[in-house]
PDB file of N, CA and C in Angstrom:
ATOM      1  N   MET A   1      -6.106  12.361 -25.817  1.00  0.00           N
ATOM      2  CA  MET A   1      -5.446  11.070 -26.126  1.00  0.00           C
ATOM      3  C   MET A   1      -4.438  10.850 -24.990  1.00  0.00           C
ATOM      4  N   SER A   2      -4.410   9.602 -24.467  1.00  0.00           N
ATOM      5  CA  SER A   2      -3.506   9.322 -23.306  1.00  0.00           C
ATOM      6  C   SER A   2      -2.085   9.022 -23.884  1.00  0.00           C
ATOM      7  N   GLU A   3      -1.134   9.292 -23.059  1.00  0.00           N
ATOM      8  CA  GLU A   3       0.245   8.992 -23.365  1.00  0.00           C
ATOM      9  C   GLU A   3       0.604   7.595 -22.913  1.00  0.00           C
ATOM     10  N   TYR A   4       1.361   6.818 -23.722  1.00  0.00           N
ATOM     11  CA  TYR A   4       1.795   5.517 -23.340  1.00  0.00           C
ATOM     12  C   TYR A   4       2.790   5.622 -22.233  1.00  0.00           C
ATOM     13  N   ILE A   5       2.556   4.950 -21.179  1.00  0.00           N
ATOM     14  CA  ILE A   5       3.467   4.922 -20.018  1.00  0.00           C
ATOM     15  C   ILE A   5       4.006   3.503 -19.865  1.00  0.00           C
ATOM     16  N   PRO A   6       5.312   3.319 -20.111  1.00  0.00           N
ATOM     17  CA  PRO A   6       5.928   1.985 -20.035  1.00  0.00           C
ATOM     18  C   PRO A   6       5.851   1.409 -18.538  1.00  0.00           C
ATOM     19  N   PHE A   7       5.695   0.183 -18.417  1.00  0.00           N
ATOM     20  CA  PHE A   7       5.669  -0.507 -17.169  1.00  0.00           C
ATOM     21  C   PHE A   7       6.077  -1.973 -17.416  1.00  0.00           C
ATOM     22  N   SER A   8       6.428  -2.577 -16.300  1.00  0.00           N
ATOM     23  CA  SER A   8       6.830  -3.979 -16.412  1.00  0.00           C
ATOM     24  C   SER A   8       5.656  -4.838 -16.632  1.00  0.00           C
ATOM     25  N   GLN A   9       5.789  -5.849 -17.403  1.00  0.00           N
ATOM     26  CA  GLN A   9       4.714  -6.779 -17.677  1.00  0.00           C
ATOM     27  C   GLN A   9       5.021  -8.165 -17.132  1.00  0.00           C
ATOM     28  N   GLY A  10       5.823  -8.202 -16.089  1.00  0.00           N
ATOM     29  CA  GLY A  10       6.138  -9.481 -15.502  1.00  0.00           C
ATOM     30  C   GLY A  10       5.896  -9.499 -13.956  1.00  0.00           C
ATOM     31  N   LEU A  11       6.101 -10.637 -13.399  1.00  0.00           N
ATOM     32  CA  LEU A  11       6.000 -10.820 -11.938  1.00  0.00           C
ATOM     33  C   LEU A  11       7.424 -10.643 -11.384  1.00  0.00           C
ATOM     34  N   TYR A  12       7.564  -9.801 -10.346  1.00  0.00           N
ATOM     35  CA  TYR A  12       8.843  -9.572  -9.764  1.00  0.00           C
ATOM     36  C   TYR A  12       8.954 -10.475  -8.512  1.00  0.00           C
ATOM     37  N   ILE A  13       9.688 -11.536  -8.690  1.00  0.00           N
ATOM     38  CA  ILE A  13       9.816 -12.559  -7.587  1.00  0.00           C
ATOM     39  C   ILE A  13      11.269 -12.876  -7.458  1.00  0.00           C
ATOM     40  N   GLY A  14      11.772 -12.801  -6.184  1.00  0.00           N
ATOM     41  CA  GLY A  14      13.184 -13.139  -5.941  1.00  0.00           C
ATOM     42  C   GLY A  14      14.140 -12.265  -6.646  1.00  0.00           C
ATOM     43  N   GLY A  15      13.791 -10.995  -6.858  1.00  0.00           N
ATOM     44  CA  GLY A  15      14.749 -10.085  -7.490  1.00  0.00           C
ATOM     45  C   GLY A  15      14.812 -10.228  -9.015  1.00  0.00           C
ATOM     46  N   LYS A  16      13.858 -10.901  -9.643  1.00  0.00           N
ATOM     47  CA  LYS A  16      13.897 -11.092 -11.070  1.00  0.00           C
ATOM     48  C   LYS A  16      12.444 -10.957 -11.637  1.00  0.00           C
ATOM     49  N   TRP A  17      12.349 -10.387 -12.844  1.00  0.00           N
ATOM     50  CA  TRP A  17      11.111 -10.300 -13.543  1.00  0.00           C
ATOM     51  C   TRP A  17      10.905 -11.620 -14.305  1.00  0.00           C
ATOM     52  N   ARG A  18       9.671 -12.109 -14.260  1.00  0.00           N
ATOM     53  CA  ARG A  18       9.372 -13.384 -14.966  1.00  0.00           C
ATOM     54  C   ARG A  18       7.948 -13.468 -15.353  1.00  0.00           C
ATOM     55  N   PRO A  19       7.553 -14.325 -16.298  1.00  0.00           N
ATOM     56  CA  PRO A  19       6.222 -14.505 -16.613  1.00  0.00           C
ATOM     57  C   PRO A  19       5.538 -15.408 -15.598  1.00  0.00           C
ATOM     58  N   SER A  20       4.190 -15.587 -15.666  1.00  0.00           N
ATOM     59  CA  SER A  20       3.524 -16.500 -14.728  1.00  0.00           C
ATOM     60  C   SER A  20       3.999 -17.936 -15.079  1.00  0.00           C
ATOM     61  N   SER A  21       3.941 -18.793 -14.055  1.00  0.00           N
ATOM     62  CA  SER A  21       4.387 -20.155 -14.281  1.00  0.00           C
ATOM     63  C   SER A  21       3.741 -20.937 -15.350  1.00  0.00           C
ATOM     64  N   ASP A  22       2.482 -20.571 -15.693  1.00  0.00           N
ATOM     65  CA  ASP A  22       1.792 -21.260 -16.767  1.00  0.00           C
ATOM     66  C   ASP A  22       1.731 -20.459 -18.047  1.00  0.00           C
ATOM     67  N   GLY A  23       2.345 -19.242 -18.022  1.00  0.00           N
ATOM     68  CA  GLY A  23       2.421 -18.465 -19.256  1.00  0.00           C
ATOM     69  C   GLY A  23       1.107 -17.645 -19.524  1.00  0.00           C
ATOM     70  N   ARG A  24       0.105 -17.818 -18.698  1.00  0.00           N
ATOM     71  CA  ARG A  24      -1.160 -17.115 -18.984  1.00  0.00           C
ATOM     72  C   ARG A  24      -1.052 -15.641 -18.677  1.00  0.00           C
ATOM     73  N   VAL A  25      -1.826 -14.803 -19.400  1.00  0.00           N
ATOM     74  CA  VAL A  25      -1.829 -13.387 -19.191  1.00  0.00           C
ATOM     75  C   VAL A  25      -3.228 -12.862 -19.113  1.00  0.00           C
ATOM     76  N   ILE A  26      -3.333 -11.724 -18.546  1.00  0.00           N
ATOM     77  CA  ILE A  26      -4.649 -10.975 -18.457  1.00  0.00           C
ATOM     78  C   ILE A  26      -4.512  -9.741 -19.350  1.00  0.00           C
ATOM     79  N   GLU A  27      -5.411  -9.537 -20.277  1.00  0.00           N
ATOM     80  CA  GLU A  27      -5.373  -8.342 -21.069  1.00  0.00           C
ATOM     81  C   GLU A  27      -5.877  -7.098 -20.305  1.00  0.00           C
ATOM     82  N   VAL A  28      -5.206  -6.037 -20.392  1.00  0.00           N
ATOM     83  CA  VAL A  28      -5.674  -4.752 -19.758  1.00  0.00           C
ATOM     84  C   VAL A  28      -6.254  -3.882 -20.873  1.00  0.00           C
ATOM     85  N   VAL A  29      -7.508  -3.476 -20.600  1.00  0.00           N
ATOM     86  CA  VAL A  29      -8.217  -2.727 -21.680  1.00  0.00           C
ATOM     87  C   VAL A  29      -8.401  -1.302 -21.154  1.00  0.00           C
ATOM     88  N   ASP A  30      -8.178  -0.366 -22.108  1.00  0.00           N
ATOM     89  CA  ASP A  30      -8.448   1.048 -21.856  1.00  0.00           C
ATOM     90  C   ASP A  30      -9.961   1.220 -22.025  1.00  0.00           C
ATOM     91  N   PRO A  31     -10.719   1.561 -20.942  1.00  0.00           N
ATOM     92  CA  PRO A  31     -12.116   1.639 -21.052  1.00  0.00           C
ATOM     93  C   PRO A  31     -12.581   2.732 -21.960  1.00  0.00           C
ATOM     94  N   SER A  32     -11.784   3.817 -22.201  1.00  0.00           N
ATOM     95  CA  SER A  32     -12.300   4.858 -23.036  1.00  0.00           C
ATOM     96  C   SER A  32     -12.157   4.545 -24.562  1.00  0.00           C
ATOM     97  N   THR A  33     -11.326   3.614 -24.849  1.00  0.00           N
ATOM     98  CA  THR A  33     -11.150   3.255 -26.299  1.00  0.00           C
ATOM     99  C   THR A  33     -11.435   1.725 -26.529  1.00  0.00           C
ATOM    100  N   GLU A  34     -11.493   1.002 -25.468  1.00  0.00           N
ATOM    101  CA  GLU A  34     -11.662  -0.475 -25.531  1.00  0.00           C
ATOM    102  C   GLU A  34     -10.527  -1.153 -26.207  1.00  0.00           C
ATOM    103  N   ALA A  35      -9.367  -0.454 -26.299  1.00  0.00           N
ATOM    104  CA  ALA A  35      -8.155  -1.098 -26.871  1.00  0.00           C
ATOM    105  C   ALA A  35      -7.396  -1.804 -25.788  1.00  0.00           C
ATOM    106  N   VAL A  36      -6.834  -2.880 -26.218  1.00  0.00           N
ATOM    107  CA  VAL A  36      -5.960  -3.643 -25.239  1.00  0.00           C
ATOM    108  C   VAL A  36      -4.606  -2.881 -25.207  1.00  0.00           C
ATOM    109  N   ILE A  37      -4.281  -2.424 -24.007  1.00  0.00           N
ATOM    110  CA  ILE A  37      -3.091  -1.580 -23.842  1.00  0.00           C
ATOM    111  C   ILE A  37      -1.940  -2.397 -23.186  1.00  0.00           C
ATOM    112  N   ALA A  38      -2.189  -3.579 -22.661  1.00  0.00           N
ATOM    113  CA  ALA A  38      -1.140  -4.405 -22.067  1.00  0.00           C
ATOM    114  C   ALA A  38      -1.647  -5.829 -21.812  1.00  0.00           C
ATOM    115  N   ALA A  39      -0.714  -6.679 -21.652  1.00  0.00           N
ATOM    116  CA  ALA A  39      -1.040  -8.038 -21.224  1.00  0.00           C
ATOM    117  C   ALA A  39      -0.134  -8.323 -20.019  1.00  0.00           C
ATOM    118  N   VAL A  40      -0.692  -8.594 -18.881  1.00  0.00           N
ATOM    119  CA  VAL A  40       0.121  -8.825 -17.650  1.00  0.00           C
ATOM    120  C   VAL A  40      -0.041 -10.264 -17.211  1.00  0.00           C
ATOM    121  N   PRO A  41       0.942 -10.771 -16.512  1.00  0.00           N
ATOM    122  CA  PRO A  41       0.875 -12.181 -16.080  1.00  0.00           C
ATOM    123  C   PRO A  41      -0.312 -12.486 -15.198  1.00  0.00           C
ATOM    124  N   ASP A  42      -0.953 -13.618 -15.407  1.00  0.00           N
ATOM    125  CA  ASP A  42      -1.976 -14.165 -14.564  1.00  0.00           C
ATOM    126  C   ASP A  42      -1.348 -15.091 -13.554  1.00  0.00           C
ATOM    127  N   ALA A  43      -0.958 -14.519 -12.408  1.00  0.00           N
ATOM    128  CA  ALA A  43      -0.229 -15.287 -11.441  1.00  0.00           C
ATOM    129  C   ALA A  43      -0.997 -16.532 -10.932  1.00  0.00           C
ATOM    130  N   THR A  44      -0.232 -17.595 -10.686  1.00  0.00           N
ATOM    131  CA  THR A  44      -0.838 -18.826 -10.171  1.00  0.00           C
ATOM    132  C   THR A  44      -0.559 -19.009  -8.662  1.00  0.00           C
ATOM    133  N   LEU A  45      -1.124 -20.037  -8.133  1.00  0.00           N
ATOM    134  CA  LEU A  45      -0.800 -20.368  -6.760  1.00  0.00           C
ATOM    135  C   LEU A  45       0.674 -20.659  -6.551  1.00  0.00           C
ATOM    136  N   ALA A  46       1.260 -21.305  -7.581  1.00  0.00           N
ATOM    137  CA  ALA A  46       2.719 -21.601  -7.559  1.00  0.00           C
ATOM    138  C   ALA A  46       3.527 -20.259  -7.571  1.00  0.00           C
ATOM    139  N   ASP A  47       3.070 -19.287  -8.318  1.00  0.00           N
ATOM    140  CA  ASP A  47       3.758 -17.982  -8.356  1.00  0.00           C
ATOM    141  C   ASP A  47       3.624 -17.297  -6.975  1.00  0.00           C
ATOM    142  N   ALA A  48       2.433 -17.386  -6.398  1.00  0.00           N
ATOM    143  CA  ALA A  48       2.243 -16.857  -5.044  1.00  0.00           C
ATOM    144  C   ALA A  48       3.137 -17.510  -3.974  1.00  0.00           C
ATOM    145  N   ALA A  49       3.228 -18.831  -4.059  1.00  0.00           N
ATOM    146  CA  ALA A  49       4.103 -19.530  -3.156  1.00  0.00           C
ATOM    147  C   ALA A  49       5.546 -19.105  -3.371  1.00  0.00           C
ATOM    148  N   ALA A  50       5.962 -18.964  -4.575  1.00  0.00           N
ATOM    149  CA  ALA A  50       7.375 -18.576  -4.849  1.00  0.00           C
ATOM    150  C   ALA A  50       7.645 -17.160  -4.331  1.00  0.00           C
ATOM    151  N   ALA A  51       6.637 -16.280  -4.423  1.00  0.00           N
ATOM    152  CA  ALA A  51       6.800 -14.922  -3.936  1.00  0.00           C
ATOM    153  C   ALA A  51       6.905 -14.927  -2.380  1.00  0.00           C
ATOM    154  N   VAL A  52       6.077 -15.708  -1.773  1.00  0.00           N
ATOM    155  CA  VAL A  52       6.144 -15.817  -0.316  1.00  0.00           C
ATOM    156  C   VAL A  52       7.508 -16.357   0.167  1.00  0.00           C
ATOM    157  N   GLU A  53       7.951 -17.403  -0.548  1.00  0.00           N
ATOM    158  CA  GLU A  53       9.272 -17.985  -0.214  1.00  0.00           C
ATOM    159  C   GLU A  53      10.426 -16.969  -0.425  1.00  0.00           C
ATOM    160  N   ALA A  54      10.344 -16.236  -1.521  1.00  0.00           N
ATOM    161  CA  ALA A  54      11.386 -15.245  -1.777  1.00  0.00           C
ATOM    162  C   ALA A  54      11.331 -14.124  -0.731  1.00  0.00           C
ATOM    163  N   ALA A  55      10.155 -13.691  -0.308  1.00  0.00           N
ATOM    164  CA  ALA A  55       9.996 -12.706   0.699  1.00  0.00           C
ATOM    165  C   ALA A  55      10.560 -13.191   2.065  1.00  0.00           C
ATOM    166  N   ALA A  56      10.342 -14.438   2.375  1.00  0.00           N
ATOM    167  CA  ALA A  56      10.849 -15.073   3.629  1.00  0.00           C
ATOM    168  C   ALA A  56      12.360 -15.070   3.584  1.00  0.00           C
ATOM    169  N   GLN A  57      12.927 -15.387   2.446  1.00  0.00           N
ATOM    170  CA  GLN A  57      14.381 -15.421   2.347  1.00  0.00           C
ATOM    171  C   GLN A  57      14.978 -14.017   2.428  1.00  0.00           C
ATOM    172  N   ALA A  58      14.265 -13.041   1.871  1.00  0.00           N
ATOM    173  CA  ALA A  58      14.797 -11.662   1.919  1.00  0.00           C
ATOM    174  C   ALA A  58      14.652 -11.021   3.309  1.00  0.00           C
ATOM    175  N   ALA A  59      13.714 -11.500   4.065  1.00  0.00           N
ATOM    176  CA  ALA A  59      13.454 -10.948   5.388  1.00  0.00           C
ATOM    177  C   ALA A  59      14.723 -11.009   6.312  1.00  0.00           C
ATOM    178  N   ALA A  60      15.458 -12.030   6.177  1.00  0.00           N
ATOM    179  CA  ALA A  60      16.678 -12.118   7.049  1.00  0.00           C
ATOM    180  C   ALA A  60      17.660 -10.996   6.756  1.00  0.00           C
ATOM    181  N   GLY A  61      17.821 -10.684   5.452  1.00  0.00           N
ATOM    182  CA  GLY A  61      18.741  -9.540   5.126  1.00  0.00           C
ATOM    183  C   GLY A  61      18.162  -8.273   5.501  1.00  0.00           C
ATOM    184  N   TRP A  62      16.884  -8.075   5.366  1.00  0.00           N
ATOM    185  CA  TRP A  62      16.234  -6.788   5.766  1.00  0.00           C
ATOM    186  C   TRP A  62      16.379  -6.635   7.277  1.00  0.00           C
ATOM    187  N   ARG A  63      16.153  -7.737   7.988  1.00  0.00           N
ATOM    188  CA  ARG A  63      16.225  -7.690   9.491  1.00  0.00           C
ATOM    189  C   ARG A  63      17.589  -7.284   9.947  1.00  0.00           C
ATOM    190  N   GLU A  64      18.662  -7.680   9.179  1.00  0.00           N
ATOM    191  CA  GLU A  64      20.055  -7.320   9.599  1.00  0.00           C
ATOM    192  C   GLU A  64      20.424  -5.959   9.106  1.00  0.00           C
ATOM    193  N   THR A  65      19.604  -5.282   8.305  1.00  0.00           N
ATOM    194  CA  THR A  65      19.925  -3.922   7.839  1.00  0.00           C
ATOM    195  C   THR A  65      19.682  -2.949   8.975  1.00  0.00           C
ATOM    196  N   PRO A  66      20.624  -2.097   9.211  1.00  0.00           N
ATOM    197  CA  PRO A  66      20.422  -1.150  10.360  1.00  0.00           C
ATOM    198  C   PRO A  66      19.210  -0.300  10.147  1.00  0.00           C
ATOM    199  N   PRO A  67      18.526   0.058  11.224  1.00  0.00           N
ATOM    200  CA  PRO A  67      17.275   0.865  11.156  1.00  0.00           C
ATOM    201  C   PRO A  67      17.431   2.113  10.363  1.00  0.00           C
ATOM    202  N   ARG A  68      18.528   2.810  10.468  1.00  0.00           N
ATOM    203  CA  ARG A  68      18.725   4.072   9.775  1.00  0.00           C
ATOM    204  C   ARG A  68      18.725   3.797   8.245  1.00  0.00           C
ATOM    205  N   LYS A  69      19.397   2.825   7.812  1.00  0.00           N
ATOM    206  CA  LYS A  69      19.493   2.421   6.360  1.00  0.00           C
ATOM    207  C   LYS A  69      18.069   2.018   5.885  1.00  0.00           C
ATOM    208  N   ARG A  70      17.371   1.257   6.709  1.00  0.00           N
ATOM    209  CA  ARG A  70      15.993   0.864   6.254  1.00  0.00           C
ATOM    210  C   ARG A  70      15.153   2.118   6.127  1.00  0.00           C
ATOM    211  N   SER A  71      15.223   3.066   7.081  1.00  0.00           N
ATOM    212  CA  SER A  71      14.403   4.255   6.911  1.00  0.00           C
ATOM    213  C   SER A  71      14.761   5.055   5.685  1.00  0.00           C
ATOM    214  N   GLU A  72      16.018   5.066   5.348  1.00  0.00           N
ATOM    215  CA  GLU A  72      16.489   5.748   4.115  1.00  0.00           C
ATOM    216  C   GLU A  72      15.860   5.106   2.877  1.00  0.00           C
ATOM    217  N   ILE A  73      15.864   3.815   2.873  1.00  0.00           N
ATOM    218  CA  ILE A  73      15.340   3.026   1.753  1.00  0.00           C
ATOM    219  C   ILE A  73      13.837   3.305   1.596  1.00  0.00           C
ATOM    220  N   LEU A  74      13.132   3.197   2.700  1.00  0.00           N
ATOM    221  CA  LEU A  74      11.686   3.453   2.684  1.00  0.00           C
ATOM    222  C   LEU A  74      11.358   4.900   2.316  1.00  0.00           C
ATOM    223  N   ARG A  75      12.123   5.804   2.780  1.00  0.00           N
ATOM    224  CA  ARG A  75      11.914   7.194   2.420  1.00  0.00           C
ATOM    225  C   ARG A  75      12.124   7.435   0.967  1.00  0.00           C
ATOM    226  N   ARG A  76      13.142   6.836   0.404  1.00  0.00           N
ATOM    227  CA  ARG A  76      13.374   6.958  -1.053  1.00  0.00           C
ATOM    228  C   ARG A  76      12.229   6.284  -1.852  1.00  0.00           C
ATOM    229  N   CYS A  77      11.689   5.219  -1.395  1.00  0.00           N
ATOM    230  CA  CYS A  77      10.557   4.640  -2.041  1.00  0.00           C
ATOM    231  C   CYS A  77       9.384   5.581  -2.027  1.00  0.00           C
ATOM    232  N   PHE A  78       9.122   6.203  -0.877  1.00  0.00           N
ATOM    233  CA  PHE A  78       8.012   7.131  -0.832  1.00  0.00           C
ATOM    234  C   PHE A  78       8.255   8.318  -1.757  1.00  0.00           C
ATOM    235  N   GLU A  79       9.482   8.822  -1.876  1.00  0.00           N
ATOM    236  CA  GLU A  79       9.753   9.942  -2.716  1.00  0.00           C
ATOM    237  C   GLU A  79       9.518   9.586  -4.193  1.00  0.00           C
ATOM    238  N   LEU A  80       9.986   8.390  -4.592  1.00  0.00           N
ATOM    239  CA  LEU A  80       9.742   7.928  -5.951  1.00  0.00           C
ATOM    240  C   LEU A  80       8.267   7.753  -6.292  1.00  0.00           C
ATOM    241  N   MET A  81       7.529   7.249  -5.329  1.00  0.00           N
ATOM    242  CA  MET A  81       6.073   7.041  -5.535  1.00  0.00           C
ATOM    243  C   MET A  81       5.380   8.424  -5.723  1.00  0.00           C
ATOM    244  N   THR A  82       5.833   9.379  -4.868  1.00  0.00           N
ATOM    245  CA  THR A  82       5.242  10.719  -4.963  1.00  0.00           C
ATOM    246  C   THR A  82       5.613  11.366  -6.287  1.00  0.00           C
ATOM    247  N   GLU A  83       6.806  11.288  -6.710  1.00  0.00           N
ATOM    248  CA  GLU A  83       7.225  11.841  -7.957  1.00  0.00           C
ATOM    249  C   GLU A  83       6.452  11.245  -9.187  1.00  0.00           C
ATOM    250  N   ARG A  84       6.100   9.976  -9.089  1.00  0.00           N
ATOM    251  CA  ARG A  84       5.490   9.305 -10.131  1.00  0.00           C
ATOM    252  C   ARG A  84       3.913   9.130 -10.003  1.00  0.00           C
ATOM    253  N   ALA A  85       3.381   9.859  -9.031  1.00  0.00           N
ATOM    254  CA  ALA A  85       1.947   9.704  -8.675  1.00  0.00           C
ATOM    255  C   ALA A  85       1.105   9.921  -9.924  1.00  0.00           C
ATOM    256  N   GLU A  86       1.404  10.832 -10.793  1.00  0.00           N
ATOM    257  CA  GLU A  86       0.601  11.106 -11.945  1.00  0.00           C
ATOM    258  C   GLU A  86       0.522   9.905 -12.913  1.00  0.00           C
ATOM    259  N   THR A  87       1.644   9.150 -12.989  1.00  0.00           N
ATOM    260  CA  THR A  87       1.662   8.024 -13.909  1.00  0.00           C
ATOM    261  C   THR A  87       1.076   6.751 -13.256  1.00  0.00           C
TER     262      THR A  87
END
């Protein structure tokens, strides 16, 4: 039996979690049991445009971040992904 692993069920855009702009979701099914284990946002073109705009706005701040600090942030991201690889 698999263990429930919590995860976000929203779109992370502009530093905030939110549902899709039209509220639609996609059900995620566990193929071994055929049970619905989650419902995740079905992103729209408007959501994609909002994500691109948010990324463009964030780029200026990232560009101004010193290289050493950026490398520390990216290294920490790598470490967290490695620690959570099983999940």
